Amino acid sequence: NTKIDILTDGLEMGLDYSQTWTCYNGRQHACGKCGACQ
């Protein structure tokens, strides 16, 4: 499955994705530019 599919499944489970961190940089906010963020 794609990351899109994973998120679809998680949203259907009602998961709160504010409880996750994806960005490769560890700053206060996600960078939005690295591959993981994109």
PDB file of all heavy atoms in Angstrom:
ATOM      1  N   ASN A   1       0.833  -1.200   0.000  1.00  0.00           N
ATOM      2  CA  ASN A   1       0.000   0.000   0.000  1.00  0.00           C
ATOM      3  C   ASN A   1       0.866   1.248   0.000  1.00  0.00           C
ATOM      4  O   ASN A   1       2.022   1.213   0.400  1.00  0.00           O
ATOM      5  CB  ASN A   1      -0.909   0.026   1.236  1.00  0.00           C
ATOM      6  CG  ASN A   1      -1.831  -1.164   1.321  1.00  0.00           C
ATOM      7  OD1 ASN A   1      -1.620  -2.072   2.107  1.00  0.00           O
ATOM      8  ND2 ASN A   1      -2.870  -1.169   0.495  1.00  0.00           N
ATOM      9  N   THR A   2       0.290   2.354  -0.421  1.00  0.00           N
ATOM     10  CA  THR A   2       0.997   3.623  -0.401  1.00  0.00           C
ATOM     11  C   THR A   2       0.788   4.319   0.950  1.00  0.00           C
ATOM     12  O   THR A   2      -0.057   3.916   1.752  1.00  0.00           O
ATOM     13  CB  THR A   2       0.479   4.559  -1.501  1.00  0.00           C
ATOM     14  OG1 THR A   2      -0.886   4.916  -1.200  1.00  0.00           O
ATOM     15  CG2 THR A   2       0.555   3.904  -2.869  1.00  0.00           C
ATOM     16  N   LYS A   3       1.555   5.386   1.165  1.00  0.00           N
ATOM     17  CA  LYS A   3       1.359   6.186   2.371  1.00  0.00           C
ATOM     18  C   LYS A   3      -0.044   6.797   2.373  1.00  0.00           C
ATOM     19  O   LYS A   3      -0.642   6.983   3.436  1.00  0.00           O
ATOM     20  CB  LYS A   3       2.416   7.282   2.451  1.00  0.00           C
ATOM     21  CG  LYS A   3       2.638   7.834   3.852  1.00  0.00           C
ATOM     22  CD  LYS A   3       3.719   8.884   3.853  1.00  0.00           C
ATOM     23  CE  LYS A   3       4.261   9.163   5.242  1.00  0.00           C
ATOM     24  NZ  LYS A   3       5.229   8.149   5.692  1.00  0.00           N
ATOM     25  N   ILE A   4      -0.548   7.091   1.196  1.00  0.00           N
ATOM     26  CA  ILE A   4      -1.911   7.605   1.078  1.00  0.00           C
ATOM     27  C   ILE A   4      -2.899   6.584   1.627  1.00  0.00           C
ATOM     28  O   ILE A   4      -3.811   6.916   2.390  1.00  0.00           O
ATOM     29  CB  ILE A   4      -2.234   7.936  -0.392  1.00  0.00           C
ATOM     30  CG1 ILE A   4      -1.267   9.006  -0.916  1.00  0.00           C
ATOM     31  CG2 ILE A   4      -3.679   8.390  -0.552  1.00  0.00           C
ATOM     32  CD1 ILE A   4      -1.139   9.031  -2.417  1.00  0.00           C
ATOM     33  N   ASP A   5      -2.703   5.307   1.250  1.00  0.00           N
ATOM     34  CA  ASP A   5      -3.579   4.228   1.729  1.00  0.00           C
ATOM     35  C   ASP A   5      -3.467   4.060   3.250  1.00  0.00           C
ATOM     36  O   ASP A   5      -4.467   3.813   3.930  1.00  0.00           O
ATOM     37  CB  ASP A   5      -3.204   2.901   1.071  1.00  0.00           C
ATOM     38  CG  ASP A   5      -3.350   2.908  -0.438  1.00  0.00           C
ATOM     39  OD1 ASP A   5      -4.239   3.622  -0.937  1.00  0.00           O
ATOM     40  OD2 ASP A   5      -2.573   2.215  -1.115  1.00  0.00           O
ATOM     41  N   ILE A   6      -2.240   4.177   3.759  1.00  0.00           N
ATOM     42  CA  ILE A   6      -2.032   4.044   5.202  1.00  0.00           C
ATOM     43  C   ILE A   6      -2.809   5.117   5.940  1.00  0.00           C
ATOM     44  O   ILE A   6      -3.512   4.845   6.933  1.00  0.00           O
ATOM     45  CB  ILE A   6      -0.531   4.138   5.548  1.00  0.00           C
ATOM     46  CG1 ILE A   6       0.236   2.956   4.961  1.00  0.00           C
ATOM     47  CG2 ILE A   6      -0.323   4.205   7.060  1.00  0.00           C
ATOM     48  CD1 ILE A   6       1.748   3.064   5.115  1.00  0.00           C
ATOM     49  N   LEU A   7      -2.707   6.352   5.453  1.00  0.00           N
ATOM     50  CA  LEU A   7      -3.423   7.447   6.099  1.00  0.00           C
ATOM     51  C   LEU A   7      -4.937   7.256   5.976  1.00  0.00           C
ATOM     52  O   LEU A   7      -5.678   7.511   6.942  1.00  0.00           O
ATOM     53  CB  LEU A   7      -3.011   8.784   5.482  1.00  0.00           C
ATOM     54  CG  LEU A   7      -3.668  10.026   6.097  1.00  0.00           C
ATOM     55  CD1 LEU A   7      -3.351  10.145   7.580  1.00  0.00           C
ATOM     56  CD2 LEU A   7      -3.229  11.284   5.354  1.00  0.00           C
ATOM     57  N   THR A   8      -5.396   6.790   4.829  1.00  0.00           N
ATOM     58  CA  THR A   8      -6.824   6.518   4.663  1.00  0.00           C
ATOM     59  C   THR A   8      -7.310   5.548   5.723  1.00  0.00           C
ATOM     60  O   THR A   8      -8.349   5.767   6.363  1.00  0.00           O
ATOM     61  CB  THR A   8      -7.109   5.933   3.260  1.00  0.00           C
ATOM     62  OG1 THR A   8      -6.674   6.853   2.259  1.00  0.00           O
ATOM     63  CG2 THR A   8      -8.592   5.649   3.073  1.00  0.00           C
ATOM     64  N   ASP A   9      -6.548   4.475   5.921  1.00  0.00           N
ATOM     65  CA  ASP A   9      -6.906   3.470   6.920  1.00  0.00           C
ATOM     66  C   ASP A   9      -6.897   4.077   8.323  1.00  0.00           C
ATOM     67  O   ASP A   9      -7.807   3.849   9.126  1.00  0.00           O
ATOM     68  CB  ASP A   9      -5.934   2.287   6.839  1.00  0.00           C
ATOM     69  CG  ASP A   9      -6.461   1.034   7.521  1.00  0.00           C
ATOM     70  OD1 ASP A   9      -7.694   0.909   7.662  1.00  0.00           O
ATOM     71  OD2 ASP A   9      -5.644   0.190   7.918  1.00  0.00           O
ATOM     72  N   GLY A  10      -5.860   4.859   8.610  1.00  0.00           N
ATOM     73  CA  GLY A  10      -5.761   5.473   9.930  1.00  0.00           C
ATOM     74  C   GLY A  10      -6.879   6.456  10.210  1.00  0.00           C
ATOM     75  O   GLY A  10      -7.431   6.493  11.323  1.00  0.00           O
ATOM     76  N   LEU A  11      -7.241   7.258   9.217  1.00  0.00           N
ATOM     77  CA  LEU A  11      -8.334   8.209   9.395  1.00  0.00           C
ATOM     78  C   LEU A  11      -9.655   7.480   9.599  1.00  0.00           C
ATOM     79  O   LEU A  11     -10.504   7.911  10.394  1.00  0.00           O
ATOM     80  CB  LEU A  11      -8.421   9.146   8.185  1.00  0.00           C
ATOM     81  CG  LEU A  11      -7.245  10.124   8.017  1.00  0.00           C
ATOM     82  CD1 LEU A  11      -7.366  10.882   6.696  1.00  0.00           C
ATOM     83  CD2 LEU A  11      -7.163  11.104   9.192  1.00  0.00           C
ATOM     84  N   GLU A  12      -9.816   6.349   8.907  1.00  0.00           N
ATOM     85  CA  GLU A  12     -11.031   5.545   9.112  1.00  0.00           C
ATOM     86  C   GLU A  12     -11.070   4.952  10.520  1.00  0.00           C
ATOM     87  O   GLU A  12     -12.154   4.732  11.073  1.00  0.00           O
ATOM     88  CB  GLU A  12     -11.108   4.429   8.065  1.00  0.00           C
ATOM     89  CG  GLU A  12     -11.437   4.943   6.671  1.00  0.00           C
ATOM     90  CD  GLU A  12     -11.411   3.865   5.609  1.00  0.00           C
ATOM     91  OE1 GLU A  12     -11.014   2.711   5.926  1.00  0.00           O
ATOM     92  OE2 GLU A  12     -11.788   4.162   4.447  1.00  0.00           O
ATOM     93  N   MET A  13      -9.886   4.723  11.122  1.00  0.00           N
ATOM     94  CA  MET A  13      -9.820   4.259  12.506  1.00  0.00           C
ATOM     95  C   MET A  13      -9.975   5.407  13.500  1.00  0.00           C
ATOM     96  O   MET A  13     -10.030   5.188  14.706  1.00  0.00           O
ATOM     97  CB  MET A  13      -8.478   3.544  12.769  1.00  0.00           C
ATOM     98  CG  MET A  13      -8.369   2.163  12.172  1.00  0.00           C
ATOM     99  SD  MET A  13      -6.882   1.285  12.781  1.00  0.00           S
ATOM    100  CE  MET A  13      -5.617   1.905  11.665  1.00  0.00           C
ATOM    101  N   GLY A  14     -10.010   6.643  12.986  1.00  0.00           N
ATOM    102  CA  GLY A  14     -10.157   7.798  13.854  1.00  0.00           C
ATOM    103  C   GLY A  14      -8.879   8.196  14.567  1.00  0.00           C
ATOM    104  O   GLY A  14      -8.924   8.819  15.637  1.00  0.00           O
ATOM    105  N   LEU A  15      -7.726   7.874  13.986  1.00  0.00           N
ATOM    106  CA  LEU A  15      -6.459   8.147  14.646  1.00  0.00           C
ATOM    107  C   LEU A  15      -6.108   9.634  14.597  1.00  0.00           C
ATOM    108  O   LEU A  15      -6.437  10.335  13.636  1.00  0.00           O
ATOM    109  CB  LEU A  15      -5.339   7.330  13.993  1.00  0.00           C
ATOM    110  CG  LEU A  15      -5.498   5.809  14.012  1.00  0.00           C
ATOM    111  CD1 LEU A  15      -4.240   5.146  13.452  1.00  0.00           C
ATOM    112  CD2 LEU A  15      -5.779   5.301  15.423  1.00  0.00           C
ATOM    113  N   ASP A  16      -5.415  10.072  15.628  1.00  0.00           N
ATOM    114  CA  ASP A  16      -5.003  11.468  15.751  1.00  0.00           C
ATOM    115  C   ASP A  16      -3.541  11.590  15.345  1.00  0.00           C
ATOM    116  O   ASP A  16      -2.642  11.217  16.089  1.00  0.00           O
ATOM    117  CB  ASP A  16      -5.194  11.929  17.202  1.00  0.00           C
ATOM    118  CG  ASP A  16      -4.715  13.356  17.428  1.00  0.00           C
ATOM    119  OD1 ASP A  16      -4.374  14.044  16.441  1.00  0.00           O
ATOM    120  OD2 ASP A  16      -4.687  13.779  18.604  1.00  0.00           O
ATOM    121  N   TYR A  17      -3.299  12.132  14.149  1.00  0.00           N
ATOM    122  CA  TYR A  17      -1.936  12.193  13.625  1.00  0.00           C
ATOM    123  C   TYR A  17      -1.133  13.381  14.150  1.00  0.00           C
ATOM    124  O   TYR A  17       0.020  13.554  13.764  1.00  0.00           O
ATOM    125  CB  TYR A  17      -1.959  12.155  12.101  1.00  0.00           C
ATOM    126  CG  TYR A  17      -2.229  10.760  11.593  1.00  0.00           C
ATOM    127  CD1 TYR A  17      -3.529  10.354  11.281  1.00  0.00           C
ATOM    128  CD2 TYR A  17      -1.202   9.828  11.483  1.00  0.00           C
ATOM    129  CE1 TYR A  17      -3.782   9.053  10.850  1.00  0.00           C
ATOM    130  CE2 TYR A  17      -1.447   8.535  11.057  1.00  0.00           C
ATOM    131  CZ  TYR A  17      -2.740   8.158  10.742  1.00  0.00           C
ATOM    132  OH  TYR A  17      -2.973   6.872  10.330  1.00  0.00           O
ATOM    133  N   SER A  18      -1.729  14.153  15.056  1.00  0.00           N
ATOM    134  CA  SER A  18      -0.927  15.149  15.763  1.00  0.00           C
ATOM    135  C   SER A  18       0.022  14.451  16.734  1.00  0.00           C
ATOM    136  O   SER A  18       0.963  15.063  17.235  1.00  0.00           O
ATOM    137  CB  SER A  18      -1.826  16.137  16.517  1.00  0.00           C
ATOM    138  OG  SER A  18      -2.468  15.507  17.621  1.00  0.00           O
ATOM    139  N   GLN A  19      -0.206  13.155  16.976  1.00  0.00           N
ATOM    140  CA  GLN A  19       0.619  12.367  17.881  1.00  0.00           C
ATOM    141  C   GLN A  19       1.738  11.638  17.128  1.00  0.00           C
ATOM    142  O   GLN A  19       2.204  10.578  17.551  1.00  0.00           O
ATOM    143  CB  GLN A  19      -0.247  11.345  18.633  1.00  0.00           C
ATOM    144  CG  GLN A  19      -1.336  11.978  19.477  1.00  0.00           C
ATOM    145  CD  GLN A  19      -2.189  10.959  20.192  1.00  0.00           C
ATOM    146  OE1 GLN A  19      -1.753   9.857  20.505  1.00  0.00           O
ATOM    147  NE2 GLN A  19      -3.434  11.313  20.464  1.00  0.00           N
ATOM    148  N   THR A  20       2.168  12.209  16.000  1.00  0.00           N
ATOM    149  CA  THR A  20       3.233  11.601  15.202  1.00  0.00           C
ATOM    150  C   THR A  20       4.236  12.670  14.796  1.00  0.00           C
ATOM    151  O   THR A  20       3.931  13.862  14.803  1.00  0.00           O
ATOM    152  CB  THR A  20       2.671  10.944  13.919  1.00  0.00           C
ATOM    153  OG1 THR A  20       2.085  11.949  13.082  1.00  0.00           O
ATOM    154  CG2 THR A  20       1.605   9.903  14.254  1.00  0.00           C
ATOM    155  N   TRP A  21       5.419  12.211  14.407  1.00  0.00           N
ATOM    156  CA  TRP A  21       6.441  13.117  13.866  1.00  0.00           C
ATOM    157  C   TRP A  21       7.101  12.431  12.691  1.00  0.00           C
ATOM    158  O   TRP A  21       7.542  11.285  12.789  1.00  0.00           O
ATOM    159  CB  TRP A  21       7.491  13.466  14.912  1.00  0.00           C
ATOM    160  CG  TRP A  21       8.502  14.463  14.401  1.00  0.00           C
ATOM    161  CD1 TRP A  21       9.739  14.187  13.886  1.00  0.00           C
ATOM    162  CD2 TRP A  21       8.341  15.879  14.316  1.00  0.00           C
ATOM    163  NE1 TRP A  21      10.361  15.349  13.489  1.00  0.00           N
ATOM    164  CE2 TRP A  21       9.527  16.411  13.745  1.00  0.00           C
ATOM    165  CE3 TRP A  21       7.319  16.752  14.658  1.00  0.00           C
ATOM    166  CZ2 TRP A  21       9.709  17.763  13.513  1.00  0.00           C
ATOM    167  CZ3 TRP A  21       7.494  18.114  14.432  1.00  0.00           C
ATOM    168  CH2 TRP A  21       8.678  18.603  13.872  1.00  0.00           C
ATOM    169  N   THR A  22       7.171  13.127  11.553  1.00  0.00           N
ATOM    170  CA  THR A  22       7.686  12.547  10.324  1.00  0.00           C
ATOM    171  C   THR A  22       8.943  13.249   9.818  1.00  0.00           C
ATOM    172  O   THR A  22       9.821  12.618   9.230  1.00  0.00           O
ATOM    173  CB  THR A  22       6.588  12.597   9.229  1.00  0.00           C
ATOM    174  OG1 THR A  22       5.452  11.852   9.675  1.00  0.00           O
ATOM    175  CG2 THR A  22       7.086  12.024   7.917  1.00  0.00           C
ATOM    176  N   CYS A  23       9.051  14.547  10.040  1.00  0.00           N
ATOM    177  CA  CYS A  23      10.128  15.364   9.462  1.00  0.00           C
ATOM    178  C   CYS A  23      11.514  14.835   9.830  1.00  0.00           C
ATOM    179  O   CYS A  23      11.763  14.441  10.969  1.00  0.00           O
ATOM    180  CB  CYS A  23       9.968  16.801   9.942  1.00  0.00           C
ATOM    181  SG  CYS A  23      11.184  17.944   9.247  1.00  0.00           S
ATOM    182  N   TYR A  24      12.414  14.831   8.847  1.00  0.00           N
ATOM    183  CA  TYR A  24      13.782  14.384   9.086  1.00  0.00           C
ATOM    184  C   TYR A  24      14.570  15.363   9.964  1.00  0.00           C
ATOM    185  O   TYR A  24      15.608  15.018  10.509  1.00  0.00           O
ATOM    186  CB  TYR A  24      14.519  14.205   7.761  1.00  0.00           C
ATOM    187  CG  TYR A  24      14.140  12.956   7.009  1.00  0.00           C
ATOM    188  CD1 TYR A  24      14.117  12.941   5.616  1.00  0.00           C
ATOM    189  CD2 TYR A  24      13.820  11.776   7.678  1.00  0.00           C
ATOM    190  CE1 TYR A  24      13.791  11.796   4.910  1.00  0.00           C
ATOM    191  CE2 TYR A  24      13.484  10.640   6.989  1.00  0.00           C
ATOM    192  CZ  TYR A  24      13.473  10.650   5.604  1.00  0.00           C
ATOM    193  OH  TYR A  24      13.151   9.510   4.910  1.00  0.00           O
ATOM    194  N   ASN A  25      14.070  16.599  10.055  1.00  0.00           N
ATOM    195  CA  ASN A  25      14.709  17.585  10.921  1.00  0.00           C
ATOM    196  C   ASN A  25      13.971  17.624  12.261  1.00  0.00           C
ATOM    197  O   ASN A  25      12.765  17.440  12.302  1.00  0.00           O
ATOM    198  CB  ASN A  25      14.668  18.972  10.267  1.00  0.00           C
ATOM    199  CG  ASN A  25      15.466  19.011   8.968  1.00  0.00           C
ATOM    200  OD1 ASN A  25      16.684  18.888   8.987  1.00  0.00           O
ATOM    201  ND2 ASN A  25      14.786  19.155   7.840  1.00  0.00           N
ATOM    202  N   GLY A  26      14.686  17.864  13.317  1.00  0.00           N
ATOM    203  CA  GLY A  26      14.090  17.793  14.649  1.00  0.00           C
ATOM    204  C   GLY A  26      13.796  19.140  15.264  1.00  0.00           C
ATOM    205  O   GLY A  26      13.877  19.299  16.478  1.00  0.00           O
ATOM    206  N   ARG A  27      13.439  20.099  14.428  1.00  0.00           N
ATOM    207  CA  ARG A  27      13.157  21.431  14.947  1.00  0.00           C
ATOM    208  C   ARG A  27      11.753  21.479  15.575  1.00  0.00           C
ATOM    209  O   ARG A  27      11.040  20.485  15.571  1.00  0.00           O
ATOM    210  CB  ARG A  27      13.305  22.457  13.823  1.00  0.00           C
ATOM    211  CG  ARG A  27      14.722  22.483  13.227  1.00  0.00           C
ATOM    212  CD  ARG A  27      14.928  23.653  12.280  1.00  0.00           C
ATOM    213  NE  ARG A  27      14.245  23.512  11.019  1.00  0.00           N
ATOM    214  CZ  ARG A  27      14.820  23.020   9.913  1.00  0.00           C
ATOM    215  NH1 ARG A  27      16.067  22.574   9.937  1.00  0.00           N
ATOM    216  NH2 ARG A  27      14.141  22.960   8.773  1.00  0.00           N
ATOM    217  N   GLN A  28      11.394  22.640  16.092  1.00  0.00           N
ATOM    218  CA  GLN A  28      10.113  22.759  16.787  1.00  0.00           C
ATOM    219  C   GLN A  28       8.943  22.427  15.869  1.00  0.00           C
ATOM    220  O   GLN A  28       7.990  21.756  16.263  1.00  0.00           O
ATOM    221  CB  GLN A  28       9.946  24.166  17.361  1.00  0.00           C
ATOM    222  CG  GLN A  28       8.649  24.344  18.158  1.00  0.00           C
ATOM    223  CD  GLN A  28       8.525  25.726  18.774  1.00  0.00           C
ATOM    224  OE1 GLN A  28       9.394  26.575  18.600  1.00  0.00           O
ATOM    225  NE2 GLN A  28       7.430  25.966  19.483  1.00  0.00           N
ATOM    226  N   HIS A  29       9.018  22.905  14.632  1.00  0.00           N
ATOM    227  CA  HIS A  29       7.988  22.627  13.644  1.00  0.00           C
ATOM    228  C   HIS A  29       8.585  21.821  12.489  1.00  0.00           C
ATOM    229  O   HIS A  29       9.789  21.899  12.227  1.00  0.00           O
ATOM    230  CB  HIS A  29       7.391  23.932  13.110  1.00  0.00           C
ATOM    231  CG  HIS A  29       6.658  24.721  14.137  1.00  0.00           C
ATOM    232  ND1 HIS A  29       6.415  26.076  13.993  1.00  0.00           N
ATOM    233  CD2 HIS A  29       6.128  24.370  15.324  1.00  0.00           C
ATOM    234  CE1 HIS A  29       5.751  26.518  15.051  1.00  0.00           C
ATOM    235  NE2 HIS A  29       5.564  25.490  15.877  1.00  0.00           N
ATOM    236  N   ALA A  30       7.740  21.055  11.812  1.00  0.00           N
ATOM    237  CA  ALA A  30       8.190  20.296  10.640  1.00  0.00           C
ATOM    238  C   ALA A  30       8.606  21.247   9.528  1.00  0.00           C
ATOM    239  O   ALA A  30       8.017  22.322   9.366  1.00  0.00           O
ATOM    240  CB  ALA A  30       7.079  19.368  10.166  1.00  0.00           C
ATOM    241  N   CYS A  31       9.620  20.842   8.734  1.00  0.00           N
ATOM    242  CA  CYS A  31      10.160  21.755   7.719  1.00  0.00           C
ATOM    243  C   CYS A  31       9.256  21.888   6.504  1.00  0.00           C
ATOM    244  O   CYS A  31       9.215  22.927   5.851  1.00  0.00           O
ATOM    245  CB  CYS A  31      11.564  21.313   7.298  1.00  0.00           C
ATOM    246  SG  CYS A  31      11.618  19.828   6.254  1.00  0.00           S
ATOM    247  N   GLY A  32       8.527  20.821   6.155  1.00  0.00           N
ATOM    248  CA  GLY A  32       7.650  20.851   4.991  1.00  0.00           C
ATOM    249  C   GLY A  32       8.373  20.709   3.664  1.00  0.00           C
ATOM    250  O   GLY A  32       7.741  20.698   2.606  1.00  0.00           O
ATOM    251  N   LYS A  33       9.710  20.579   3.700  1.00  0.00           N
ATOM    252  CA  LYS A  33      10.492  20.557   2.466  1.00  0.00           C
ATOM    253  C   LYS A  33      11.219  19.229   2.224  1.00  0.00           C
ATOM    254  O   LYS A  33      11.505  18.897   1.075  1.00  0.00           O
ATOM    255  CB  LYS A  33      11.514  21.691   2.495  1.00  0.00           C
ATOM    256  CG  LYS A  33      10.887  23.075   2.535  1.00  0.00           C
ATOM    257  CD  LYS A  33      11.954  24.156   2.623  1.00  0.00           C
ATOM    258  CE  LYS A  33      11.328  25.548   2.677  1.00  0.00           C
ATOM    259  NZ  LYS A  33      12.362  26.610   2.804  1.00  0.00           N
ATOM    260  N   CYS A  34      11.556  18.516   3.286  1.00  0.00           N
ATOM    261  CA  CYS A  34      12.268  17.240   3.089  1.00  0.00           C
ATOM    262  C   CYS A  34      11.315  16.221   2.473  1.00  0.00           C
ATOM    263  O   CYS A  34      10.094  16.403   2.467  1.00  0.00           O
ATOM    264  CB  CYS A  34      12.839  16.735   4.414  1.00  0.00           C
ATOM    265  SG  CYS A  34      11.620  16.167   5.629  1.00  0.00           S
ATOM    266  N   GLY A  35      11.877  15.137   1.958  1.00  0.00           N
ATOM    267  CA  GLY A  35      11.062  14.128   1.286  1.00  0.00           C
ATOM    268  C   GLY A  35       9.997  13.538   2.180  1.00  0.00           C
ATOM    269  O   GLY A  35       8.869  13.272   1.742  1.00  0.00           O
ATOM    270  N   ALA A  36      10.338  13.325   3.461  1.00  0.00           N
ATOM    271  CA  ALA A  36       9.375  12.740   4.393  1.00  0.00           C
ATOM    272  C   ALA A  36       8.180  13.661   4.590  1.00  0.00           C
ATOM    273  O   ALA A  36       7.024  13.221   4.599  1.00  0.00           O
ATOM    274  CB  ALA A  36      10.059  12.449   5.725  1.00  0.00           C
ATOM    275  N   CYS A  37       8.455  14.961   4.755  1.00  0.00           N
ATOM    276  CA  CYS A  37       7.370  15.936   4.908  1.00  0.00           C
ATOM    277  C   CYS A  37       6.519  16.004   3.643  1.00  0.00           C
ATOM    278  O   CYS A  37       5.281  16.050   3.713  1.00  0.00           O
ATOM    279  CB  CYS A  37       7.941  17.315   5.211  1.00  0.00           C
ATOM    280  SG  CYS A  37       8.413  17.588   6.943  1.00  0.00           S
ATOM    281  N   GLN A  38       7.168  16.028   2.492  1.00  0.00           N
ATOM    282  CA  GLN A  38       6.425  16.170   1.249  1.00  0.00           C
ATOM    283  C   GLN A  38       5.500  14.979   1.011  1.00  0.00           C
ATOM    284  O   GLN A  38       4.358  15.143   0.579  1.00  0.00           O
ATOM    285  CB  GLN A  38       7.392  16.350   0.080  1.00  0.00           C
ATOM    286  CG  GLN A  38       8.098  17.693   0.103  1.00  0.00           C
ATOM    287  CD  GLN A  38       8.532  18.150  -1.276  1.00  0.00           C
ATOM    288  OE1 GLN A  38       8.286  17.493  -2.282  1.00  0.00           O
ATOM    289  NE2 GLN A  38       9.188  19.291  -1.323  1.00  0.00           N
TER     290      GLN A  38
END
